[in-house]
C-alpha atoms as a PDB file:
ATOM      1  CA  MET A   1      85.779  17.726  -3.075  1.00  0.00           C
ATOM      2  CA  PRO A   2      85.841  13.931  -3.482  1.00  0.00           C
ATOM      3  CA  LYS A   3      82.575  12.284  -4.498  1.00  0.00           C
ATOM      4  CA  PHE A   4      80.724   9.886  -1.816  1.00  0.00           C
ATOM      5  CA  VAL A   5      80.592   6.725  -3.634  1.00  0.00           C
ATOM      6  CA  CYS A   6      80.153   3.799  -1.623  1.00  0.00           C
ATOM      7  CA  LEU A   7      79.878   0.931  -3.955  1.00  0.00           C
ATOM      8  CA  ASP A   8      82.558  -1.387  -2.687  1.00  0.00           C
ATOM      9  CA  ALA A   9      81.506  -4.585  -1.458  1.00  0.00           C
ATOM     10  CA  ASP A  10      84.460  -4.386   1.215  1.00  0.00           C
ATOM     11  CA  PRO A  11      84.238  -1.389   3.735  1.00  0.00           C
ATOM     12  CA  MET A  12      87.840  -1.623   4.496  1.00  0.00           C
ATOM     13  CA  ASP A  13      88.564  -0.978   0.826  1.00  0.00           C
ATOM     14  CA  GLU A  14      86.132   1.730   1.033  1.00  0.00           C
ATOM     15  CA  LEU A  15      88.072   3.228   4.142  1.00  0.00           C
ATOM     16  CA  ARG A  16      91.334   2.794   2.527  1.00  0.00           C
ATOM     17  CA  ARG A  17      90.196   4.908  -0.351  1.00  0.00           C
ATOM     18  CA  TRP A  18      88.986   7.690   1.804  1.00  0.00           C
ATOM     19  CA  LEU A  19      92.231   7.587   3.596  1.00  0.00           C
ATOM     20  CA  ARG A  20      94.041   7.845   0.346  1.00  0.00           C
ATOM     21  CA  GLU A  21      91.547  10.699  -0.766  1.00  0.00           C
ATOM     22  CA  ALA A  22      92.076  12.719   2.517  1.00  0.00           C
ATOM     23  CA  SER A  23      95.862  12.382   1.970  1.00  0.00           C
ATOM     24  CA  GLU A  24      95.746  13.431  -1.544  1.00  0.00           C
ATOM     25  CA  ALA A  25      93.549  16.565  -0.383  1.00  0.00           C
ATOM     26  CA  GLY A  26      96.392  17.599   1.769  1.00  0.00           C
ATOM     27  CA  VAL A  27      94.796  16.681   5.342  1.00  0.00           C
ATOM     28  CA  SER A  28      96.989  16.882   8.147  1.00  0.00           C
ATOM     29  CA  ASN A  29      97.406  13.369   9.763  1.00  0.00           C
ATOM     30  CA  PRO A  30      94.521  11.651   7.848  1.00  0.00           C
ATOM     31  CA  ALA A  31      95.069   8.528   9.781  1.00  0.00           C
ATOM     32  CA  ALA A  32      94.276   9.979  13.178  1.00  0.00           C
ATOM     33  CA  MET A  33      91.159   8.626  14.685  1.00  0.00           C
ATOM     34  CA  VAL A  34      89.333   8.901  18.055  1.00  0.00           C
ATOM     35  CA  LEU A  35      89.102   5.681  19.845  1.00  0.00           C
ATOM     36  CA  ALA A  36      86.087   5.266  22.366  1.00  0.00           C
ATOM     37  CA  THR A  37      86.340   2.679  25.312  1.00  0.00           C
ATOM     38  CA  VAL A  38      84.023   1.797  28.084  1.00  0.00           C
ATOM     39  CA  GLY A  39      85.927   0.854  31.609  1.00  0.00           C
ATOM     40  CA  ALA A  40      84.856  -1.208  34.566  1.00  0.00           C
ATOM     41  CA  ASP A  41      83.120   1.892  36.035  1.00  0.00           C
ATOM     42  CA  GLY A  42      80.748   1.864  33.320  1.00  0.00           C
ATOM     43  CA  ALA A  43      81.887   5.505  32.089  1.00  0.00           C
ATOM     44  CA  PRO A  44      82.913   6.192  28.256  1.00  0.00           C
ATOM     45  CA  SER A  45      86.566   7.391  27.575  1.00  0.00           C
ATOM     46  CA  ALA A  46      87.563   8.961  24.238  1.00  0.00           C
ATOM     47  CA  ARG A  47      91.221   9.853  23.020  1.00  0.00           C
ATOM     48  CA  ALA A  48      92.787  10.696  19.670  1.00  0.00           C
ATOM     49  CA  LEU A  49      95.582   8.253  18.461  1.00  0.00           C
ATOM     50  CA  MET A  50      97.044   7.311  15.121  1.00  0.00           C
ATOM     51  CA  ALA A  51      95.830   4.319  13.149  1.00  0.00           C
ATOM     52  CA  GLY A  52      99.258   2.593  12.818  1.00  0.00           C
ATOM     53  CA  THR A  53      98.558   0.014  10.068  1.00  0.00           C
ATOM     54  CA  ARG A  54      95.442  -0.871   8.112  1.00  0.00           C
ATOM     55  CA  ASP A  55      95.671  -4.165   6.502  1.00  0.00           C
ATOM     56  CA  LYS A  56      92.869  -6.257   4.496  1.00  0.00           C
ATOM     57  CA  ASP A  57      90.528  -6.790   7.443  1.00  0.00           C
ATOM     58  CA  THR A  58      91.679  -4.839  10.484  1.00  0.00           C
ATOM     59  CA  ILE A  59      93.157  -1.552  11.861  1.00  0.00           C
ATOM     60  CA  THR A  60      96.029  -1.748  14.153  1.00  0.00           C
ATOM     61  CA  PHE A  61      97.317   0.724  16.535  1.00  0.00           C
ATOM     62  CA  PHE A  62     100.109   0.660  19.181  1.00  0.00           C
ATOM     63  CA  THR A  63     100.029   1.958  22.795  1.00  0.00           C
ATOM     64  CA  HIS A  64     100.845   1.387  26.354  1.00  0.00           C
ATOM     65  CA  TYR A  65      98.850  -1.727  27.818  1.00  0.00           C
ATOM     66  CA  THR A  66      98.980  -0.413  31.240  1.00  0.00           C
ATOM     67  CA  SER A  67      97.407   3.001  30.124  1.00  0.00           C
ATOM     68  CA  PRO A  68      93.627   3.829  31.424  1.00  0.00           C
ATOM     69  CA  LYS A  69      92.707   2.757  27.460  1.00  0.00           C
ATOM     70  CA  GLY A  70      94.587  -0.560  28.042  1.00  0.00           C
ATOM     71  CA  ARG A  71      92.719  -1.355  31.182  1.00  0.00           C
ATOM     72  CA  ASP A  72      89.389  -0.366  29.681  1.00  0.00           C
ATOM     73  CA  ILE A  73      90.004  -2.669  26.781  1.00  0.00           C
ATOM     74  CA  ASP A  74      90.885  -5.630  29.290  1.00  0.00           C
ATOM     75  CA  PHE A  75      87.614  -5.238  30.785  1.00  0.00           C
ATOM     76  CA  ASN A  76      85.935  -4.554  27.601  1.00  0.00           C
ATOM     77  CA  PRO A  77      87.353  -5.087  23.841  1.00  0.00           C
ATOM     78  CA  ASN A  78      84.268  -3.624  22.269  1.00  0.00           C
ATOM     79  CA  VAL A  79      85.293  -0.171  20.925  1.00  0.00           C
ATOM     80  CA  GLU A  80      84.385   2.265  18.462  1.00  0.00           C
ATOM     81  CA  ALA A  81      86.775   4.586  16.253  1.00  0.00           C
ATOM     82  CA  VAL A  82      86.013   7.536  14.402  1.00  0.00           C
ATOM     83  CA  PHE A  83      88.085   9.241  11.597  1.00  0.00           C
ATOM     84  CA  LEU A  84      87.006  13.032  11.054  1.00  0.00           C
ATOM     85  CA  TRP A  85      88.092  14.826   8.068  1.00  0.00           C
ATOM     86  CA  THR A  86      86.263  18.534   8.709  1.00  0.00           C
ATOM     87  CA  GLY A  87      87.548  19.807   5.428  1.00  0.00           C
ATOM     88  CA  LEU A  88      86.247  17.227   3.167  1.00  0.00           C
ATOM     89  CA  GLU A  89      83.061  16.901   5.354  1.00  0.00           C
ATOM     90  CA  ARG A  90      83.569  13.354   6.031  1.00  0.00           C
ATOM     91  CA  GLN A  91      83.413  10.989   8.785  1.00  0.00           C
ATOM     92  CA  VAL A  92      83.856   7.221   9.131  1.00  0.00           C
ATOM     93  CA  ARG A  93      82.682   5.398  12.091  1.00  0.00           C
ATOM     94  CA  VAL A  94      84.205   1.738  12.903  1.00  0.00           C
ATOM     95  CA  ARG A  95      82.925  -0.334  15.418  1.00  0.00           C
ATOM     96  CA  GLY A  96      84.325  -3.750  16.395  1.00  0.00           C
ATOM     97  CA  THR A  97      86.520  -5.718  18.830  1.00  0.00           C
ATOM     98  CA  LEU A  98      90.008  -5.382  19.834  1.00  0.00           C
ATOM     99  CA  ALA A  99      92.803  -8.232  20.489  1.00  0.00           C
ATOM    100  CA  LYS A 100      96.478  -7.602  21.215  1.00  0.00           C
ATOM    101  CA  THR A 101      98.900  -8.197  18.342  1.00  0.00           C
ATOM    102  CA  THR A 102     101.475 -10.833  18.453  1.00  0.00           C
ATOM    103  CA  ALA A 103     104.840  -9.915  19.853  1.00  0.00           C
ATOM    104  CA  GLU A 104     106.324  -9.933  16.480  1.00  0.00           C
ATOM    105  CA  VAL A 105     104.304  -7.431  15.120  1.00  0.00           C
ATOM    106  CA  SER A 106     104.763  -5.102  18.206  1.00  0.00           C
ATOM    107  CA  ASP A 107     108.486  -5.497  17.788  1.00  0.00           C
ATOM    108  CA  ALA A 108     108.327  -4.707  14.146  1.00  0.00           C
ATOM    109  CA  TYR A 109     106.692  -1.543  14.715  1.00  0.00           C
ATOM    110  CA  TRP A 110     108.837  -0.613  17.516  1.00  0.00           C
ATOM    111  CA  ALA A 111     111.757  -1.278  15.470  1.00  0.00           C
ATOM    112  CA  SER A 112     110.118   1.229  12.798  1.00  0.00           C
ATOM    113  CA  ARG A 113     110.210   3.966  15.413  1.00  0.00           C
ATOM    114  CA  PRO A 114     112.586   6.831  15.719  1.00  0.00           C
ATOM    115  CA  ARG A 115     114.890   6.227  18.962  1.00  0.00           C
ATOM    116  CA  SER A 116     113.867   9.263  20.428  1.00  0.00           C
ATOM    117  CA  THR A 117     110.283   8.082  20.414  1.00  0.00           C
ATOM    118  CA  GLN A 118     111.464   4.700  21.965  1.00  0.00           C
ATOM    119  CA  LEU A 119     113.251   6.532  24.653  1.00  0.00           C
ATOM    120  CA  ALA A 120     110.117   8.694  25.485  1.00  0.00           C
ATOM    121  CA  ILE A 121     107.966   5.550  25.403  1.00  0.00           C
ATOM    122  CA  LEU A 122     110.262   3.741  27.704  1.00  0.00           C
ATOM    123  CA  THR A 123     110.471   6.660  30.015  1.00  0.00           C
ATOM    124  CA  ALA A 124     106.950   8.082  30.370  1.00  0.00           C
ATOM    125  CA  PRO A 125     104.573   5.880  32.496  1.00  0.00           C
ATOM    126  CA  GLN A 126     101.761   7.046  30.525  1.00  0.00           C
ATOM    127  CA  SER A 127      98.886   8.891  32.377  1.00  0.00           C
ATOM    128  CA  SER A 128     100.782   8.303  35.583  1.00  0.00           C
ATOM    129  CA  ASN A 129     101.286  11.233  37.858  1.00  0.00           C
ATOM    130  CA  VAL A 130     104.647  13.084  37.685  1.00  0.00           C
ATOM    131  CA  PRO A 131     106.321  15.952  39.826  1.00  0.00           C
ATOM    132  CA  ASN A 132     106.451  18.098  36.687  1.00  0.00           C
ATOM    133  CA  HIS A 133     107.388  18.290  33.148  1.00  0.00           C
ATOM    134  CA  ALA A 134     111.321  18.552  33.744  1.00  0.00           C
ATOM    135  CA  ALA A 135     111.060  15.577  35.576  1.00  0.00           C
ATOM    136  CA  LEU A 136     110.016  13.510  32.725  1.00  0.00           C
ATOM    137  CA  ILE A 137     112.899  15.013  30.675  1.00  0.00           C
ATOM    138  CA  SER A 138     115.564  14.378  33.233  1.00  0.00           C
ATOM    139  CA  ALA A 139     114.242  10.875  33.533  1.00  0.00           C
ATOM    140  CA  LYS A 140     114.582  10.502  29.700  1.00  0.00           C
ATOM    141  CA  ALA A 141     118.214  11.466  29.929  1.00  0.00           C
ATOM    142  CA  LYS A 142     118.995   9.128  32.593  1.00  0.00           C
ATOM    143  CA  VAL A 143     117.529   6.305  30.725  1.00  0.00           C
ATOM    144  CA  GLU A 144     119.307   7.244  27.531  1.00  0.00           C
ATOM    145  CA  ALA A 145     122.457   7.361  29.494  1.00  0.00           C
ATOM    146  CA  SER A 146     121.986   4.046  30.924  1.00  0.00           C
ATOM    147  CA  ILE A 147     121.238   2.544  27.466  1.00  0.00           C
ATOM    148  CA  GLY A 148     124.021   4.218  25.694  1.00  0.00           C
ATOM    149  CA  ASP A 149     124.627   2.939  22.160  1.00  0.00           C
ATOM    150  CA  SER A 150     122.791  -0.377  22.546  1.00  0.00           C
ATOM    151  CA  ASP A 151     119.404  -1.039  20.921  1.00  0.00           C
ATOM    152  CA  VAL A 152     116.159   0.379  22.797  1.00  0.00           C
ATOM    153  CA  VAL A 153     114.249  -2.986  23.727  1.00  0.00           C
ATOM    154  CA  ARG A 154     110.347  -2.724  23.438  1.00  0.00           C
ATOM    155  CA  PRO A 155     109.093  -3.021  27.122  1.00  0.00           C
ATOM    156  CA  ASP A 156     106.234  -5.841  27.306  1.00  0.00           C
ATOM    157  CA  THR A 157     103.922  -3.199  28.364  1.00  0.00           C
ATOM    158  CA  TYR A 158     103.735  -1.545  25.094  1.00  0.00           C
ATOM    159  CA  GLY A 159     102.335  -3.115  21.885  1.00  0.00           C
ATOM    160  CA  GLY A 160      99.621  -3.153  19.348  1.00  0.00           C
ATOM    161  CA  TYR A 161      96.076  -3.797  19.243  1.00  0.00           C
ATOM    162  CA  ARG A 162      94.238  -5.051  16.243  1.00  0.00           C
ATOM    163  CA  LEU A 163      90.666  -3.743  15.671  1.00  0.00           C
ATOM    164  CA  THR A 164      88.391  -6.309  13.773  1.00  0.00           C
ATOM    165  CA  PRO A 165      85.281  -4.398  12.620  1.00  0.00           C
ATOM    166  CA  ASP A 166      81.766  -5.453  12.609  1.00  0.00           C
ATOM    167  CA  SER A 167      80.018  -2.466  11.303  1.00  0.00           C
ATOM    168  CA  PHE A 168      81.237   0.861   9.286  1.00  0.00           C
ATOM    169  CA  GLU A 169      79.365   4.211   8.961  1.00  0.00           C
ATOM    170  CA  PHE A 170      80.534   6.495   6.048  1.00  0.00           C
ATOM    171  CA  TRP A 171      79.180   9.965   6.045  1.00  0.00           C
ATOM    172  CA  GLN A 172      79.625  12.774   3.748  1.00  0.00           C
ATOM    173  CA  GLY A 173      78.202  16.107   4.486  1.00  0.00           C
ATOM    174  CA  ARG A 174      76.015  18.272   2.026  1.00  0.00           C
ATOM    175  CA  PRO A 175      76.127  21.847   3.461  1.00  0.00           C
ATOM    176  CA  GLU A 176      73.985  23.017   0.276  1.00  0.00           C
ATOM    177  CA  ASP A 177      71.017  21.321   1.591  1.00  0.00           C
ATOM    178  CA  ARG A 178      71.816  19.464   4.869  1.00  0.00           C
ATOM    179  CA  LEU A 179      70.559  16.046   3.308  1.00  0.00           C
ATOM    180  CA  HIS A 180      73.979  14.572   4.348  1.00  0.00           C
ATOM    181  CA  LEU A 181      74.546  10.919   2.914  1.00  0.00           C
ATOM    182  CA  ARG A 182      75.134   8.230   5.185  1.00  0.00           C
ATOM    183  CA  ALA A 183      75.919   4.616   4.441  1.00  0.00           C
ATOM    184  CA  VAL A 184      76.119   1.679   6.664  1.00  0.00           C
ATOM    185  CA  TYR A 185      78.041  -1.649   6.390  1.00  0.00           C
ATOM    186  CA  ARG A 186      77.240  -4.415   8.929  1.00  0.00           C
ATOM    187  CA  GLN A 187      78.925  -8.041   9.052  1.00  0.00           C
ATOM    188  CA  GLU A 188      76.420 -10.828   8.803  1.00  0.00           C
ATOM    189  CA  ALA A 189      76.848 -14.105  10.457  1.00  0.00           C
ATOM    190  CA  ASP A 190      78.299 -15.676   7.047  1.00  0.00           C
ATOM    191  CA  GLY A 191      81.074 -13.177   7.090  1.00  0.00           C
ATOM    192  CA  ARG A 192      79.485 -11.020   4.204  1.00  0.00           C
ATOM    193  CA  TRP A 193      78.791  -7.386   4.600  1.00  0.00           C
ATOM    194  CA  SER A 194      75.461  -5.748   4.139  1.00  0.00           C
ATOM    195  CA  PHE A 195      74.967  -2.392   2.969  1.00  0.00           C
ATOM    196  CA  GLU A 196      72.223   0.042   3.337  1.00  0.00           C
ATOM    197  CA  VAL A 197      71.603   3.966   3.151  1.00  0.00           C
ATOM    198  CA  ILE A 198      70.118   5.611   6.013  1.00  0.00           C
ATOM    199  CA  ALA A 199      68.578   9.200   6.563  1.00  0.00           C
ATOM    200  CA  PRO A 200      70.714  12.058   7.738  1.00  0.00           C
END
């Protein structure tokens, strides 16, 4: 099991290291994360999705802007994301604020996706009611027939969100004594990150 060493001054570098170690350990979909939002009704909502990219300072994912999560984010851009790798006894919580990516970033990601995925995204109105699953399959076939060999154009209702973190919590389980290790980074007003160890 990888050792818990939170010594890097930059928590994004620490997160990248943990993601790399999860991948090297054979974790399935190590970039999967649970995103929690709060909507206009005040109720929390959480769902698993894939973290698409992780640059120097942010985490980016892509989704339907008109989905329930998109409506939640429009109301309240403050969110928390959780990465969990149970086989490694590890978890990372990331809290921060979301903003839409530029159209150029969304277009570049769209172009990287398989054509079948593009067609599915174009066809399925995420979280909307449909008669049955067969209706979705039929709708996708009709969309594909109408487009023919042309490029599948990204709809304006689909694109990226960039999460700018303001706090991280790294958790490493210790099943032998239950004295789990927890380390918290918080961003200060001057942009630097403070670091502290907290009790399990």
